[in-house]
Amino acid sequence: MALVHDIRLSESGFTKLKVKLSDAIARRKVYRQTLNELRSLNSRELDDLGMHRSMITRVAYEAAYGK
């Protein structure tokens, strides 16, 4: 009995992995960019946004990954 592999399934699996990886990279980039931009603001600017400096990490995470 011969063993048969369907190449299309392998490509499909690779494509799904590639999409997940690129999505993870894009989300991480949004997280880092948001974090850096918020950290560059002074306390008055953060106050104008209704934020405290302790909220920066959470806000950046929510911007990138949702709630």
PDB file of N, CA and C in Angstrom:
ATOM      1  N   MET A   1       0.848  -1.171   0.000  1.00  0.00           N
ATOM      2  CA  MET A   1       0.000   0.000   0.000  1.00  0.00           C
ATOM      3  C   MET A   1       0.895   1.236   0.000  1.00  0.00           C
ATOM      4  N   ALA A   2       0.564   2.179  -0.839  1.00  0.00           N
ATOM      5  CA  ALA A   2       1.382   3.380  -0.987  1.00  0.00           C
ATOM      6  C   ALA A   2       0.845   4.478  -0.073  1.00  0.00           C
ATOM      7  N   LEU A   3       1.764   5.280   0.408  1.00  0.00           N
ATOM      8  CA  LEU A   3       1.408   6.429   1.227  1.00  0.00           C
ATOM      9  C   LEU A   3       1.334   7.651   0.327  1.00  0.00           C
ATOM     10  N   VAL A   4       0.204   8.335   0.361  1.00  0.00           N
ATOM     11  CA  VAL A   4       0.003   9.478  -0.515  1.00  0.00           C
ATOM     12  C   VAL A   4      -0.197  10.727   0.334  1.00  0.00           C
ATOM     13  N   HIS A   5       0.524  11.775   0.007  1.00  0.00           N
ATOM     14  CA  HIS A   5       0.361  13.051   0.682  1.00  0.00           C
ATOM     15  C   HIS A   5      -0.271  14.038  -0.286  1.00  0.00           C
ATOM     16  N   ASP A   6      -1.179  14.799   0.219  1.00  0.00           N
ATOM     17  CA  ASP A   6      -1.788  15.843  -0.607  1.00  0.00           C
ATOM     18  C   ASP A   6      -0.999  17.122  -0.378  1.00  0.00           C
ATOM     19  N   ILE A   7      -0.254  17.555  -1.383  1.00  0.00           N
ATOM     20  CA  ILE A   7       0.606  18.730  -1.266  1.00  0.00           C
ATOM     21  C   ILE A   7      -0.214  19.972  -0.956  1.00  0.00           C
ATOM     22  N   ARG A   8      -1.413  20.050  -1.480  1.00  0.00           N
ATOM     23  CA  ARG A   8      -2.259  21.218  -1.243  1.00  0.00           C
ATOM     24  C   ARG A   8      -2.530  21.407   0.247  1.00  0.00           C
ATOM     25  N   LEU A   9      -2.691  20.329   0.970  1.00  0.00           N
ATOM     26  CA  LEU A   9      -2.908  20.438   2.415  1.00  0.00           C
ATOM     27  C   LEU A   9      -1.676  21.014   3.095  1.00  0.00           C
ATOM     28  N   SER A  10      -0.503  20.581   2.658  1.00  0.00           N
ATOM     29  CA  SER A  10       0.721  21.101   3.239  1.00  0.00           C
ATOM     30  C   SER A  10       0.867  22.589   2.951  1.00  0.00           C
ATOM     31  N   GLU A  11       0.575  22.983   1.719  1.00  0.00           N
ATOM     32  CA  GLU A  11       0.653  24.395   1.368  1.00  0.00           C
ATOM     33  C   GLU A  11      -0.379  25.193   2.157  1.00  0.00           C
ATOM     34  N   SER A  12      -1.550  24.614   2.327  1.00  0.00           N
ATOM     35  CA  SER A  12      -2.603  25.294   3.084  1.00  0.00           C
ATOM     36  C   SER A  12      -2.169  25.503   4.532  1.00  0.00           C
ATOM     37  N   GLY A  13      -1.571  24.477   5.116  1.00  0.00           N
ATOM     38  CA  GLY A  13      -1.075  24.591   6.483  1.00  0.00           C
ATOM     39  C   GLY A  13       0.026  25.628   6.592  1.00  0.00           C
ATOM     40  N   PHE A  14       0.910  25.639   5.605  1.00  0.00           N
ATOM     41  CA  PHE A  14       1.987  26.621   5.587  1.00  0.00           C
ATOM     42  C   PHE A  14       1.419  28.022   5.428  1.00  0.00           C
ATOM     43  N   THR A  15       0.414  28.169   4.572  1.00  0.00           N
ATOM     44  CA  THR A  15      -0.213  29.473   4.344  1.00  0.00           C
ATOM     45  C   THR A  15      -0.874  29.979   5.618  1.00  0.00           C
ATOM     46  N   LYS A  16      -1.563  29.098   6.320  1.00  0.00           N
ATOM     47  CA  LYS A  16      -2.204  29.486   7.585  1.00  0.00           C
ATOM     48  C   LYS A  16      -1.160  29.918   8.605  1.00  0.00           C
ATOM     49  N   LEU A  17      -0.069  29.185   8.677  1.00  0.00           N
ATOM     50  CA  LEU A  17       1.011  29.539   9.598  1.00  0.00           C
ATOM     51  C   LEU A  17       1.606  30.888   9.239  1.00  0.00           C
ATOM     52  N   LYS A  18       1.812  31.104   7.942  1.00  0.00           N
ATOM     53  CA  LYS A  18       2.361  32.364   7.472  1.00  0.00           C
ATOM     54  C   LYS A  18       1.436  33.532   7.810  1.00  0.00           C
ATOM     55  N   VAL A  19       0.135  33.342   7.635  1.00  0.00           N
ATOM     56  CA  VAL A  19      -0.840  34.391   7.953  1.00  0.00           C
ATOM     57  C   VAL A  19      -0.841  34.680   9.452  1.00  0.00           C
ATOM     58  N   LYS A  20      -0.829  33.631  10.270  1.00  0.00           N
ATOM     59  CA  LYS A  20      -0.809  33.824  11.725  1.00  0.00           C
ATOM     60  C   LYS A  20       0.455  34.541  12.176  1.00  0.00           C
ATOM     61  N   LEU A  21       1.570  34.165  11.594  1.00  0.00           N
ATOM     62  CA  LEU A  21       2.835  34.785  11.959  1.00  0.00           C
ATOM     63  C   LEU A  21       2.870  36.255  11.555  1.00  0.00           C
ATOM     64  N   SER A  22       2.409  36.552  10.354  1.00  0.00           N
ATOM     65  CA  SER A  22       2.403  37.955   9.918  1.00  0.00           C
ATOM     66  C   SER A  22       1.419  38.778  10.732  1.00  0.00           C
ATOM     67  N   ASP A  23       0.302  38.179  11.141  1.00  0.00           N
ATOM     68  CA  ASP A  23      -0.652  38.871  12.004  1.00  0.00           C
ATOM     69  C   ASP A  23      -0.036  39.163  13.372  1.00  0.00           C
ATOM     70  N   ALA A  24       0.672  38.196  13.921  1.00  0.00           N
ATOM     71  CA  ALA A  24       1.322  38.385  15.219  1.00  0.00           C
ATOM     72  C   ALA A  24       2.394  39.478  15.147  1.00  0.00           C
ATOM     73  N   ILE A  25       3.141  39.496  14.058  1.00  0.00           N
ATOM     74  CA  ILE A  25       4.174  40.521  13.884  1.00  0.00           C
ATOM     75  C   ILE A  25       3.539  41.899  13.764  1.00  0.00           C
ATOM     76  N   ALA A  26       2.453  41.989  13.005  1.00  0.00           N
ATOM     77  CA  ALA A  26       1.769  43.278  12.828  1.00  0.00           C
ATOM     78  C   ALA A  26       1.190  43.780  14.143  1.00  0.00           C
ATOM     79  N   ARG A  27       0.586  42.882  14.918  1.00  0.00           N
ATOM     80  CA  ARG A  27       0.027  43.285  16.216  1.00  0.00           C
ATOM     81  C   ARG A  27       1.127  43.742  17.170  1.00  0.00           C
ATOM     82  N   ARG A  28       2.234  43.036  17.169  1.00  0.00           N
ATOM     83  CA  ARG A  28       3.361  43.413  18.037  1.00  0.00           C
ATOM     84  C   ARG A  28       3.908  44.789  17.642  1.00  0.00           C
ATOM     85  N   LYS A  29       3.935  45.058  16.342  1.00  0.00           N
ATOM     86  CA  LYS A  29       4.398  46.357  15.862  1.00  0.00           C
ATOM     87  C   LYS A  29       3.458  47.469  16.332  1.00  0.00           C
ATOM     88  N   VAL A  30       2.155  47.235  16.271  1.00  0.00           N
ATOM     89  CA  VAL A  30       1.181  48.222  16.759  1.00  0.00           C
ATOM     90  C   VAL A  30       1.375  48.446  18.255  1.00  0.00           C
ATOM     91  N   TYR A  31       1.577  47.366  18.998  1.00  0.00           N
ATOM     92  CA  TYR A  31       1.795  47.471  20.441  1.00  0.00           C
ATOM     93  C   TYR A  31       3.015  48.329  20.755  1.00  0.00           C
ATOM     94  N   ARG A  32       4.142  48.015  20.108  1.00  0.00           N
ATOM     95  CA  ARG A  32       5.379  48.764  20.364  1.00  0.00           C
ATOM     96  C   ARG A  32       5.253  50.225  19.972  1.00  0.00           C
ATOM     97  N   GLN A  33       4.641  50.485  18.820  1.00  0.00           N
ATOM     98  CA  GLN A  33       4.499  51.860  18.349  1.00  0.00           C
ATOM     99  C   GLN A  33       3.596  52.660  19.288  1.00  0.00           C
ATOM    100  N   THR A  34       2.484  52.081  19.696  1.00  0.00           N
ATOM    101  CA  THR A  34       1.577  52.763  20.619  1.00  0.00           C
ATOM    102  C   THR A  34       2.259  53.018  21.949  1.00  0.00           C
ATOM    103  N   LEU A  35       2.956  52.022  22.446  1.00  0.00           N
ATOM    104  CA  LEU A  35       3.678  52.150  23.704  1.00  0.00           C
ATOM    105  C   LEU A  35       4.703  53.277  23.628  1.00  0.00           C
ATOM    106  N   ASN A  36       5.490  53.308  22.579  1.00  0.00           N
ATOM    107  CA  ASN A  36       6.513  54.349  22.429  1.00  0.00           C
ATOM    108  C   ASN A  36       5.900  55.738  22.308  1.00  0.00           C
ATOM    109  N   GLU A  37       4.819  55.855  21.545  1.00  0.00           N
ATOM    110  CA  GLU A  37       4.187  57.158  21.377  1.00  0.00           C
ATOM    111  C   GLU A  37       3.583  57.670  22.686  1.00  0.00           C
ATOM    112  N   LEU A  38       2.931  56.779  23.431  1.00  0.00           N
ATOM    113  CA  LEU A  38       2.338  57.205  24.702  1.00  0.00           C
ATOM    114  C   LEU A  38       3.414  57.531  25.736  1.00  0.00           C
ATOM    115  N   ARG A  39       4.498  56.762  25.724  1.00  0.00           N
ATOM    116  CA  ARG A  39       5.580  57.036  26.677  1.00  0.00           C
ATOM    117  C   ARG A  39       6.281  58.362  26.385  1.00  0.00           C
ATOM    118  N   SER A  40       6.205  58.824  25.146  1.00  0.00           N
ATOM    119  CA  SER A  40       6.857  60.083  24.793  1.00  0.00           C
ATOM    120  C   SER A  40       6.053  61.305  25.242  1.00  0.00           C
ATOM    121  N   LEU A  41       4.796  61.108  25.626  1.00  0.00           N
ATOM    122  CA  LEU A  41       3.968  62.225  26.068  1.00  0.00           C
ATOM    123  C   LEU A  41       4.311  62.614  27.501  1.00  0.00           C
ATOM    124  N   ASN A  42       4.188  63.909  27.790  1.00  0.00           N
ATOM    125  CA  ASN A  42       4.409  64.335  29.170  1.00  0.00           C
ATOM    126  C   ASN A  42       3.111  64.171  29.966  1.00  0.00           C
ATOM    127  N   SER A  43       3.174  64.401  31.258  1.00  0.00           N
ATOM    128  CA  SER A  43       2.025  64.169  32.138  1.00  0.00           C
ATOM    129  C   SER A  43       0.827  65.030  31.765  1.00  0.00           C
ATOM    130  N   ARG A  44       1.086  66.255  31.336  1.00  0.00           N
ATOM    131  CA  ARG A  44      -0.026  67.132  30.963  1.00  0.00           C
ATOM    132  C   ARG A  44      -0.748  66.605  29.716  1.00  0.00           C
ATOM    133  N   GLU A  45       0.011  66.151  28.739  1.00  0.00           N
ATOM    134  CA  GLU A  45      -0.587  65.612  27.525  1.00  0.00           C
ATOM    135  C   GLU A  45      -1.379  64.334  27.817  1.00  0.00           C
ATOM    136  N   LEU A  46      -0.840  63.491  28.690  1.00  0.00           N
ATOM    137  CA  LEU A  46      -1.579  62.297  29.092  1.00  0.00           C
ATOM    138  C   LEU A  46      -2.854  62.665  29.823  1.00  0.00           C
ATOM    139  N   ASP A  47      -2.778  63.684  30.669  1.00  0.00           N
ATOM    140  CA  ASP A  47      -3.952  64.150  31.395  1.00  0.00           C
ATOM    141  C   ASP A  47      -5.019  64.653  30.431  1.00  0.00           C
ATOM    142  N   ASP A  48      -4.606  65.342  29.365  1.00  0.00           N
ATOM    143  CA  ASP A  48      -5.546  65.809  28.353  1.00  0.00           C
ATOM    144  C   ASP A  48      -6.277  64.638  27.681  1.00  0.00           C
ATOM    145  N   LEU A  49      -5.594  63.508  27.598  1.00  0.00           N
ATOM    146  CA  LEU A  49      -6.205  62.304  27.028  1.00  0.00           C
ATOM    147  C   LEU A  49      -7.006  61.518  28.064  1.00  0.00           C
ATOM    148  N   GLY A  50      -6.962  61.968  29.301  1.00  0.00           N
ATOM    149  CA  GLY A  50      -7.667  61.269  30.375  1.00  0.00           C
ATOM    150  C   GLY A  50      -6.944  60.021  30.825  1.00  0.00           C
ATOM    151  N   MET A  51      -5.631  60.030  30.700  1.00  0.00           N
ATOM    152  CA  MET A  51      -4.836  58.855  31.056  1.00  0.00           C
ATOM    153  C   MET A  51      -3.806  59.189  32.116  1.00  0.00           C
ATOM    154  N   HIS A  52      -3.479  58.188  32.892  1.00  0.00           N
ATOM    155  CA  HIS A  52      -2.378  58.266  33.843  1.00  0.00           C
ATOM    156  C   HIS A  52      -1.242  57.426  33.275  1.00  0.00           C
ATOM    157  N   ARG A  53      -0.023  57.758  33.637  1.00  0.00           N
ATOM    158  CA  ARG A  53       1.142  57.051  33.109  1.00  0.00           C
ATOM    159  C   ARG A  53       1.073  55.539  33.387  1.00  0.00           C
ATOM    160  N   SER A  54       0.433  55.152  34.459  1.00  0.00           N
ATOM    161  CA  SER A  54       0.322  53.724  34.790  1.00  0.00           C
ATOM    162  C   SER A  54      -0.600  52.961  33.834  1.00  0.00           C
ATOM    163  N   MET A  55      -1.369  53.668  33.017  1.00  0.00           N
ATOM    164  CA  MET A  55      -2.307  53.038  32.092  1.00  0.00           C
ATOM    165  C   MET A  55      -1.705  52.763  30.715  1.00  0.00           C
ATOM    166  N   ILE A  56      -0.519  53.247  30.469  1.00  0.00           N
ATOM    167  CA  ILE A  56       0.064  53.203  29.130  1.00  0.00           C
ATOM    168  C   ILE A  56       0.183  51.773  28.595  1.00  0.00           C
ATOM    169  N   THR A  57       0.709  50.872  29.383  1.00  0.00           N
ATOM    170  CA  THR A  57       0.907  49.501  28.926  1.00  0.00           C
ATOM    171  C   THR A  57      -0.420  48.846  28.571  1.00  0.00           C
ATOM    172  N   ARG A  58      -1.417  49.025  29.419  1.00  0.00           N
ATOM    173  CA  ARG A  58      -2.733  48.426  29.173  1.00  0.00           C
ATOM    174  C   ARG A  58      -3.377  48.985  27.911  1.00  0.00           C
ATOM    175  N   VAL A  59      -3.294  50.297  27.739  1.00  0.00           N
ATOM    176  CA  VAL A  59      -3.884  50.935  26.565  1.00  0.00           C
ATOM    177  C   VAL A  59      -3.191  50.456  25.287  1.00  0.00           C
ATOM    178  N   ALA A  60      -1.886  50.339  25.316  1.00  0.00           N
ATOM    179  CA  ALA A  60      -1.142  49.857  24.148  1.00  0.00           C
ATOM    180  C   ALA A  60      -1.509  48.412  23.841  1.00  0.00           C
ATOM    181  N   TYR A  61      -1.664  47.593  24.867  1.00  0.00           N
ATOM    182  CA  TYR A  61      -2.043  46.188  24.675  1.00  0.00           C
ATOM    183  C   TYR A  61      -3.433  46.097  24.058  1.00  0.00           C
ATOM    184  N   GLU A  62      -4.377  46.871  24.571  1.00  0.00           N
ATOM    185  CA  GLU A  62      -5.738  46.863  24.033  1.00  0.00           C
ATOM    186  C   GLU A  62      -5.775  47.370  22.596  1.00  0.00           C
ATOM    187  N   ALA A  63      -4.923  48.335  22.273  1.00  0.00           N
ATOM    188  CA  ALA A  63      -4.874  48.849  20.896  1.00  0.00           C
ATOM    189  C   ALA A  63      -4.412  47.765  19.926  1.00  0.00           C
ATOM    190  N   ALA A  64      -3.502  46.931  20.358  1.00  0.00           N
ATOM    191  CA  ALA A  64      -2.944  45.919  19.480  1.00  0.00           C
ATOM    192  C   ALA A  64      -3.728  44.615  19.478  1.00  0.00           C
ATOM    193  N   TYR A  65      -4.183  44.191  20.640  1.00  0.00           N
ATOM    194  CA  TYR A  65      -4.764  42.849  20.764  1.00  0.00           C
ATOM    195  C   TYR A  65      -6.255  42.849  21.109  1.00  0.00           C
ATOM    196  N   GLY A  66      -6.832  44.005  21.354  1.00  0.00           N
ATOM    197  CA  GLY A  66      -8.223  44.063  21.770  1.00  0.00           C
ATOM    198  C   GLY A  66      -8.371  43.735  23.238  1.00  0.00           C
ATOM    199  N   LYS A  67      -9.591  43.655  23.696  1.00  0.00           N
ATOM    200  CA  LYS A  67      -9.832  43.390  25.115  1.00  0.00           C
ATOM    201  C   LYS A  67      -9.845  41.941  25.436  1.00  0.00           C
TER     202      LYS A  67
END
